[in-house]
PDB file of N, CA and C in Angstrom:
ATOM      1  N   MET A   1      -5.534  13.964 -11.868  1.00  0.00           N
ATOM      2  CA  MET A   1      -5.500  13.372 -10.552  1.00  0.00           C
ATOM      3  C   MET A   1      -6.844  12.719 -10.218  1.00  0.00           C
ATOM      4  N   ARG A   2      -7.927  13.291 -10.691  1.00  0.00           N
ATOM      5  CA  ARG A   2      -9.242  12.700 -10.428  1.00  0.00           C
ATOM      6  C   ARG A   2      -9.332  11.281 -10.978  1.00  0.00           C
ATOM      7  N   MET A   3      -8.767  11.078 -12.151  1.00  0.00           N
ATOM      8  CA  MET A   3      -8.807   9.749 -12.745  1.00  0.00           C
ATOM      9  C   MET A   3      -8.031   8.759 -11.874  1.00  0.00           C
ATOM     10  N   THR A   4      -6.883   9.168 -11.375  1.00  0.00           N
ATOM     11  CA  THR A   4      -6.077   8.315 -10.498  1.00  0.00           C
ATOM     12  C   THR A   4      -6.857   7.990  -9.232  1.00  0.00           C
ATOM     13  N   GLN A   5      -7.492   8.987  -8.655  1.00  0.00           N
ATOM     14  CA  GLN A   5      -8.291   8.765  -7.443  1.00  0.00           C
ATOM     15  C   GLN A   5      -9.401   7.761  -7.705  1.00  0.00           C
ATOM     16  N   GLU A   6     -10.051   7.869  -8.850  1.00  0.00           N
ATOM     17  CA  GLU A   6     -11.149   6.968  -9.179  1.00  0.00           C
ATOM     18  C   GLU A   6     -10.649   5.536  -9.374  1.00  0.00           C
ATOM     19  N   ILE A   7      -9.513   5.388 -10.022  1.00  0.00           N
ATOM     20  CA  ILE A   7      -8.931   4.055 -10.220  1.00  0.00           C
ATOM     21  C   ILE A   7      -8.606   3.425  -8.868  1.00  0.00           C
ATOM     22  N   VAL A   8      -7.977   4.186  -7.999  1.00  0.00           N
ATOM     23  CA  VAL A   8      -7.631   3.679  -6.668  1.00  0.00           C
ATOM     24  C   VAL A   8      -8.894   3.327  -5.896  1.00  0.00           C
ATOM     25  N   ARG A   9      -9.871   4.194  -5.935  1.00  0.00           N
ATOM     26  CA  ARG A   9     -11.119   3.987  -5.195  1.00  0.00           C
ATOM     27  C   ARG A   9     -11.853   2.727  -5.673  1.00  0.00           C
ATOM     28  N   GLN A  10     -11.798   2.458  -6.963  1.00  0.00           N
ATOM     29  CA  GLN A  10     -12.535   1.320  -7.512  1.00  0.00           C
ATOM     30  C   GLN A  10     -11.793  -0.007  -7.392  1.00  0.00           C
ATOM     31  N   SER A  11     -10.487   0.003  -7.538  1.00  0.00           N
ATOM     32  CA  SER A  11      -9.781  -1.269  -7.628  1.00  0.00           C
ATOM     33  C   SER A  11      -8.976  -1.657  -6.393  1.00  0.00           C
ATOM     34  N   LEU A  12      -8.398  -0.717  -5.705  1.00  0.00           N
ATOM     35  CA  LEU A  12      -7.513  -1.058  -4.598  1.00  0.00           C
ATOM     36  C   LEU A  12      -8.206  -1.778  -3.447  1.00  0.00           C
ATOM     37  N   PRO A  13      -9.363  -1.323  -2.980  1.00  0.00           N
ATOM     38  CA  PRO A  13      -9.968  -2.031  -1.847  1.00  0.00           C
ATOM     39  C   PRO A  13     -10.232  -3.508  -2.133  1.00  0.00           C
ATOM     40  N   ASP A  14     -10.737  -3.825  -3.313  1.00  0.00           N
ATOM     41  CA  ASP A  14     -11.013  -5.219  -3.652  1.00  0.00           C
ATOM     42  C   ASP A  14      -9.725  -6.022  -3.767  1.00  0.00           C
ATOM     43  N   ALA A  15      -8.728  -5.451  -4.411  1.00  0.00           N
ATOM     44  CA  ALA A  15      -7.457  -6.159  -4.579  1.00  0.00           C
ATOM     45  C   ALA A  15      -6.779  -6.385  -3.234  1.00  0.00           C
ATOM     46  N   LEU A  16      -6.805  -5.379  -2.384  1.00  0.00           N
ATOM     47  CA  LEU A  16      -6.196  -5.512  -1.060  1.00  0.00           C
ATOM     48  C   LEU A  16      -6.964  -6.534  -0.218  1.00  0.00           C
ATOM     49  N   ALA A  17      -8.280  -6.493  -0.272  1.00  0.00           N
ATOM     50  CA  ALA A  17      -9.085  -7.461   0.474  1.00  0.00           C
ATOM     51  C   ALA A  17      -8.789  -8.879   0.003  1.00  0.00           C
ATOM     52  N   GLU A  18      -8.599  -9.041  -1.284  1.00  0.00           N
ATOM     53  CA  GLU A  18      -8.315 -10.368  -1.834  1.00  0.00           C
ATOM     54  C   GLU A  18      -7.007 -10.939  -1.292  1.00  0.00           C
ATOM     55  N   VAL A  19      -5.950 -10.120  -1.284  1.00  0.00           N
ATOM     56  CA  VAL A  19      -4.665 -10.636  -0.791  1.00  0.00           C
ATOM     57  C   VAL A  19      -4.691 -10.834   0.725  1.00  0.00           C
ATOM     58  N   LEU A  20      -5.443 -10.001   1.425  1.00  0.00           N
ATOM     59  CA  LEU A  20      -5.555 -10.192   2.874  1.00  0.00           C
ATOM     60  C   LEU A  20      -6.365 -11.441   3.198  1.00  0.00           C
ATOM     61  N   ASP A  21      -7.422 -11.699   2.420  1.00  0.00           N
ATOM     62  CA  ASP A  21      -8.203 -12.925   2.620  1.00  0.00           C
ATOM     63  C   ASP A  21      -7.341 -14.162   2.394  1.00  0.00           C
ATOM     64  N   ALA A  22      -6.374 -14.043   1.491  1.00  0.00           N
ATOM     65  CA  ALA A  22      -5.466 -15.159   1.204  1.00  0.00           C
ATOM     66  C   ALA A  22      -4.297 -15.188   2.191  1.00  0.00           C
ATOM     67  N   ALA A  23      -4.307 -14.274   3.156  1.00  0.00           N
ATOM     68  CA  ALA A  23      -3.235 -14.158   4.157  1.00  0.00           C
ATOM     69  C   ALA A  23      -1.886 -13.920   3.511  1.00  0.00           C
ATOM     70  N   ASP A  24      -1.878 -13.206   2.401  1.00  0.00           N
ATOM     71  CA  ASP A  24      -0.639 -12.868   1.690  1.00  0.00           C
ATOM     72  C   ASP A  24      -0.170 -11.494   2.156  1.00  0.00           C
ATOM     73  N   LEU A  25       0.397 -11.474   3.360  1.00  0.00           N
ATOM     74  CA  LEU A  25       0.792 -10.201   3.972  1.00  0.00           C
ATOM     75  C   LEU A  25       1.910  -9.517   3.209  1.00  0.00           C
ATOM     76  N   SER A  26       2.784 -10.285   2.593  1.00  0.00           N
ATOM     77  CA  SER A  26       3.879  -9.710   1.831  1.00  0.00           C
ATOM     78  C   SER A  26       3.350  -8.895   0.648  1.00  0.00           C
ATOM     79  N   THR A  27       2.405  -9.450  -0.086  1.00  0.00           N
ATOM     80  CA  THR A  27       1.822  -8.727  -1.222  1.00  0.00           C
ATOM     81  C   THR A  27       1.023  -7.527  -0.740  1.00  0.00           C
ATOM     82  N   ALA A  28       0.280  -7.688   0.342  1.00  0.00           N
ATOM     83  CA  ALA A  28      -0.490  -6.568   0.883  1.00  0.00           C
ATOM     84  C   ALA A  28       0.436  -5.433   1.303  1.00  0.00           C
ATOM     85  N   GLN A  29       1.558  -5.779   1.905  1.00  0.00           N
ATOM     86  CA  GLN A  29       2.508  -4.747   2.322  1.00  0.00           C
ATOM     87  C   GLN A  29       3.120  -4.056   1.106  1.00  0.00           C
ATOM     88  N   ARG A  30       3.408  -4.826   0.080  1.00  0.00           N
ATOM     89  CA  ARG A  30       3.953  -4.252  -1.142  1.00  0.00           C
ATOM     90  C   ARG A  30       2.940  -3.302  -1.790  1.00  0.00           C
ATOM     91  N   MET A  31       1.664  -3.673  -1.758  1.00  0.00           N
ATOM     92  CA  MET A  31       0.615  -2.804  -2.299  1.00  0.00           C
ATOM     93  C   MET A  31       0.544  -1.496  -1.513  1.00  0.00           C
ATOM     94  N   ALA A  32       0.632  -1.590  -0.193  1.00  0.00           N
ATOM     95  CA  ALA A  32       0.607  -0.385   0.646  1.00  0.00           C
ATOM     96  C   ALA A  32       1.822   0.484   0.358  1.00  0.00           C
ATOM     97  N   HIS A  33       2.965  -0.143   0.165  1.00  0.00           N
ATOM     98  CA  HIS A  33       4.196   0.592  -0.149  1.00  0.00           C
ATOM     99  C   HIS A  33       4.051   1.335  -1.483  1.00  0.00           C
ATOM    100  N   THR A  34       3.496   0.657  -2.474  1.00  0.00           N
ATOM    101  CA  THR A  34       3.288   1.278  -3.785  1.00  0.00           C
ATOM    102  C   THR A  34       2.311   2.438  -3.678  1.00  0.00           C
ATOM    103  N   LEU A  35       1.238   2.243  -2.935  1.00  0.00           N
ATOM    104  CA  LEU A  35       0.264   3.317  -2.741  1.00  0.00           C
ATOM    105  C   LEU A  35       0.907   4.503  -2.041  1.00  0.00           C
ATOM    106  N   LYS A  36       1.738   4.231  -1.046  1.00  0.00           N
ATOM    107  CA  LYS A  36       2.428   5.302  -0.323  1.00  0.00           C
ATOM    108  C   LYS A  36       3.283   6.135  -1.284  1.00  0.00           C
ATOM    109  N   GLY A  37       4.044   5.466  -2.131  1.00  0.00           N
ATOM    110  CA  GLY A  37       4.892   6.181  -3.080  1.00  0.00           C
ATOM    111  C   GLY A  37       4.103   6.960  -4.109  1.00  0.00           C
ATOM    112  N   THR A  38       3.044   6.364  -4.617  1.00  0.00           N
ATOM    113  CA  THR A  38       2.202   7.043  -5.607  1.00  0.00           C
ATOM    114  C   THR A  38       1.526   8.257  -4.990  1.00  0.00           C
ATOM    115  N   ALA A  39       1.015   8.095  -3.782  1.00  0.00           N
ATOM    116  CA  ALA A  39       0.375   9.214  -3.092  1.00  0.00           C
ATOM    117  C   ALA A  39       1.369  10.343  -2.856  1.00  0.00           C
ATOM    118  N   GLY A  40       2.592   9.995  -2.482  1.00  0.00           N
ATOM    119  CA  GLY A  40       3.618  11.021  -2.282  1.00  0.00           C
ATOM    120  C   GLY A  40       3.937  11.754  -3.562  1.00  0.00           C
ATOM    121  N   THR A  41       4.029  11.023  -4.661  1.00  0.00           N
ATOM    122  CA  THR A  41       4.303  11.636  -5.963  1.00  0.00           C
ATOM    123  C   THR A  41       3.200  12.613  -6.345  1.00  0.00           C
ATOM    124  N   LEU A  42       1.973  12.262  -6.018  1.00  0.00           N
ATOM    125  CA  LEU A  42       0.825  13.107  -6.373  1.00  0.00           C
ATOM    126  C   LEU A  42       0.571  14.223  -5.362  1.00  0.00           C
ATOM    127  N   GLY A  43       1.315  14.210  -4.256  1.00  0.00           N
ATOM    128  CA  GLY A  43       1.132  15.239  -3.235  1.00  0.00           C
ATOM    129  C   GLY A  43      -0.046  14.969  -2.314  1.00  0.00           C
ATOM    130  N   ALA A  44      -0.539  13.742  -2.300  1.00  0.00           N
ATOM    131  CA  ALA A  44      -1.658  13.361  -1.430  1.00  0.00           C
ATOM    132  C   ALA A  44      -1.080  12.904  -0.089  1.00  0.00           C
ATOM    133  N   THR A  45      -0.679  13.883   0.721  1.00  0.00           N
ATOM    134  CA  THR A  45       0.070  13.576   1.935  1.00  0.00           C
ATOM    135  C   THR A  45      -0.740  12.798   2.972  1.00  0.00           C
ATOM    136  N   ALA A  46      -2.023  13.066   3.080  1.00  0.00           N
ATOM    137  CA  ALA A  46      -2.840  12.325   4.046  1.00  0.00           C
ATOM    138  C   ALA A  46      -2.911  10.853   3.651  1.00  0.00           C
ATOM    139  N   LEU A  47      -3.143  10.581   2.381  1.00  0.00           N
ATOM    140  CA  LEU A  47      -3.184   9.211   1.898  1.00  0.00           C
ATOM    141  C   LEU A  47      -1.818   8.550   2.050  1.00  0.00           C
ATOM    142  N   MET A  48      -0.767   9.301   1.793  1.00  0.00           N
ATOM    143  CA  MET A  48       0.581   8.768   1.950  1.00  0.00           C
ATOM    144  C   MET A  48       0.819   8.328   3.398  1.00  0.00           C
ATOM    145  N   GLY A  49       0.385   9.134   4.344  1.00  0.00           N
ATOM    146  CA  GLY A  49       0.536   8.790   5.756  1.00  0.00           C
ATOM    147  C   GLY A  49      -0.257   7.564   6.139  1.00  0.00           C
ATOM    148  N   GLU A  50      -1.460   7.444   5.636  1.00  0.00           N
ATOM    149  CA  GLU A  50      -2.287   6.266   5.916  1.00  0.00           C
ATOM    150  C   GLU A  50      -1.675   5.015   5.301  1.00  0.00           C
ATOM    151  N   ALA A  51      -1.172   5.132   4.089  1.00  0.00           N
ATOM    152  CA  ALA A  51      -0.538   3.986   3.429  1.00  0.00           C
ATOM    153  C   ALA A  51       0.730   3.573   4.175  1.00  0.00           C
ATOM    154  N   ALA A  52       1.480   4.547   4.681  1.00  0.00           N
ATOM    155  CA  ALA A  52       2.686   4.242   5.455  1.00  0.00           C
ATOM    156  C   ALA A  52       2.325   3.495   6.733  1.00  0.00           C
ATOM    157  N   ALA A  53       1.252   3.918   7.386  1.00  0.00           N
ATOM    158  CA  ALA A  53       0.814   3.231   8.611  1.00  0.00           C
ATOM    159  C   ALA A  53       0.370   1.804   8.301  1.00  0.00           C
ATOM    160  N   LEU A  54      -0.336   1.622   7.189  1.00  0.00           N
ATOM    161  CA  LEU A  54      -0.761   0.289   6.784  1.00  0.00           C
ATOM    162  C   LEU A  54       0.446  -0.584   6.459  1.00  0.00           C
ATOM    163  N   GLU A  55       1.405  -0.022   5.747  1.00  0.00           N
ATOM    164  CA  GLU A  55       2.621  -0.762   5.407  1.00  0.00           C
ATOM    165  C   GLU A  55       3.343  -1.227   6.682  1.00  0.00           C
ATOM    166  N   ALA A  56       3.469  -0.340   7.650  1.00  0.00           N
ATOM    167  CA  ALA A  56       4.144  -0.681   8.903  1.00  0.00           C
ATOM    168  C   ALA A  56       3.368  -1.748   9.677  1.00  0.00           C
ATOM    169  N   ALA A  57       2.050  -1.618   9.714  1.00  0.00           N
ATOM    170  CA  ALA A  57       1.236  -2.595  10.440  1.00  0.00           C
ATOM    171  C   ALA A  57       1.346  -3.976   9.794  1.00  0.00           C
ATOM    172  N   LEU A  58       1.336  -4.010   8.484  1.00  0.00           N
ATOM    173  CA  LEU A  58       1.468  -5.293   7.791  1.00  0.00           C
ATOM    174  C   LEU A  58       2.849  -5.895   8.016  1.00  0.00           C
ATOM    175  N   GLY A  59       3.869  -5.042   8.080  1.00  0.00           N
ATOM    176  CA  GLY A  59       5.212  -5.532   8.372  1.00  0.00           C
ATOM    177  C   GLY A  59       5.287  -6.124   9.765  1.00  0.00           C
ATOM    178  N   ALA A  60       4.656  -5.465  10.715  1.00  0.00           N
ATOM    179  CA  ALA A  60       4.649  -5.952  12.086  1.00  0.00           C
ATOM    180  C   ALA A  60       3.865  -7.262  12.212  1.00  0.00           C
ATOM    181  N   ALA A  61       2.912  -7.453  11.298  1.00  0.00           N
ATOM    182  CA  ALA A  61       2.087  -8.661  11.331  1.00  0.00           C
ATOM    183  C   ALA A  61       2.730  -9.830  10.589  1.00  0.00           C
ATOM    184  N   GLY A  62       3.906  -9.614  10.030  1.00  0.00           N
ATOM    185  CA  GLY A  62       4.597 -10.720   9.385  1.00  0.00           C
ATOM    186  C   GLY A  62       4.858 -10.544   7.913  1.00  0.00           C
ATOM    187  N   GLY A  63       4.625  -9.363   7.381  1.00  0.00           N
ATOM    188  CA  GLY A  63       4.934  -9.108   5.979  1.00  0.00           C
ATOM    189  C   GLY A  63       6.432  -8.927   5.786  1.00  0.00           C
ATOM    190  N   VAL A  64       6.823  -8.517   4.619  1.00  0.00           N
ATOM    191  CA  VAL A  64       8.231  -8.278   4.306  1.00  0.00           C
ATOM    192  C   VAL A  64       8.687  -7.031   5.057  1.00  0.00           C
ATOM    193  N   PRO A  65       9.859  -7.044   5.695  1.00  0.00           N
ATOM    194  CA  PRO A  65      10.343  -5.845   6.387  1.00  0.00           C
ATOM    195  C   PRO A  65      10.466  -4.659   5.438  1.00  0.00           C
ATOM    196  N   SER A  66      10.108  -3.498   5.910  1.00  0.00           N
ATOM    197  CA  SER A  66      10.128  -2.296   5.086  1.00  0.00           C
ATOM    198  C   SER A  66      11.480  -2.023   4.408  1.00  0.00           C
ATOM    199  N   PRO A  67      12.624  -2.252   5.049  1.00  0.00           N
ATOM    200  CA  PRO A  67      13.895  -2.021   4.349  1.00  0.00           C
ATOM    201  C   PRO A  67      14.003  -2.828   3.054  1.00  0.00           C
ATOM    202  N   ALA A  68      13.438  -4.024   3.024  1.00  0.00           N
ATOM    203  CA  ALA A  68      13.466  -4.820   1.806  1.00  0.00           C
ATOM    204  C   ALA A  68      12.665  -4.149   0.708  1.00  0.00           C
ATOM    205  N   LEU A  69      11.555  -3.547   1.072  1.00  0.00           N
ATOM    206  CA  LEU A  69      10.749  -2.835   0.077  1.00  0.00           C
ATOM    207  C   LEU A  69      11.490  -1.595  -0.407  1.00  0.00           C
ATOM    208  N   GLN A  70      12.160  -0.914   0.491  1.00  0.00           N
ATOM    209  CA  GLN A  70      12.913   0.278   0.109  1.00  0.00           C
ATOM    210  C   GLN A  70      14.005  -0.095  -0.907  1.00  0.00           C
ATOM    211  N   ALA A  71      14.628  -1.231  -0.739  1.00  0.00           N
ATOM    212  CA  ALA A  71      15.682  -1.667  -1.649  1.00  0.00           C
ATOM    213  C   ALA A  71      15.135  -1.960  -3.035  1.00  0.00           C
ATOM    214  N   GLN A  72      13.854  -2.349  -3.118  1.00  0.00           N
ATOM    215  CA  GLN A  72      13.236  -2.636  -4.410  1.00  0.00           C
ATOM    216  C   GLN A  72      12.860  -1.383  -5.154  1.00  0.00           C
ATOM    217  N   ALA A  73      12.639  -0.298  -4.436  1.00  0.00           N
ATOM    218  CA  ALA A  73      12.154   0.951  -5.059  1.00  0.00           C
ATOM    219  C   ALA A  73      13.203   1.580  -5.954  1.00  0.00           C
TER     220      ALA A  73
END
């Protein structure tokens, strides 16, 4: 799990910032959705909750509606 945490810590913020800078809310929401699922699988409930809040906020800001992401999972 430490390795997963380190990968997320090193790569996710930059990747998320990049898609947000490009105003690609759909991709940013998809990234948050993926993080939410991965965090849930690993039992990182606090991170899962934060990722869920980010996913919802991005959806409200014009990203892909969450039901569409659920259908992809």
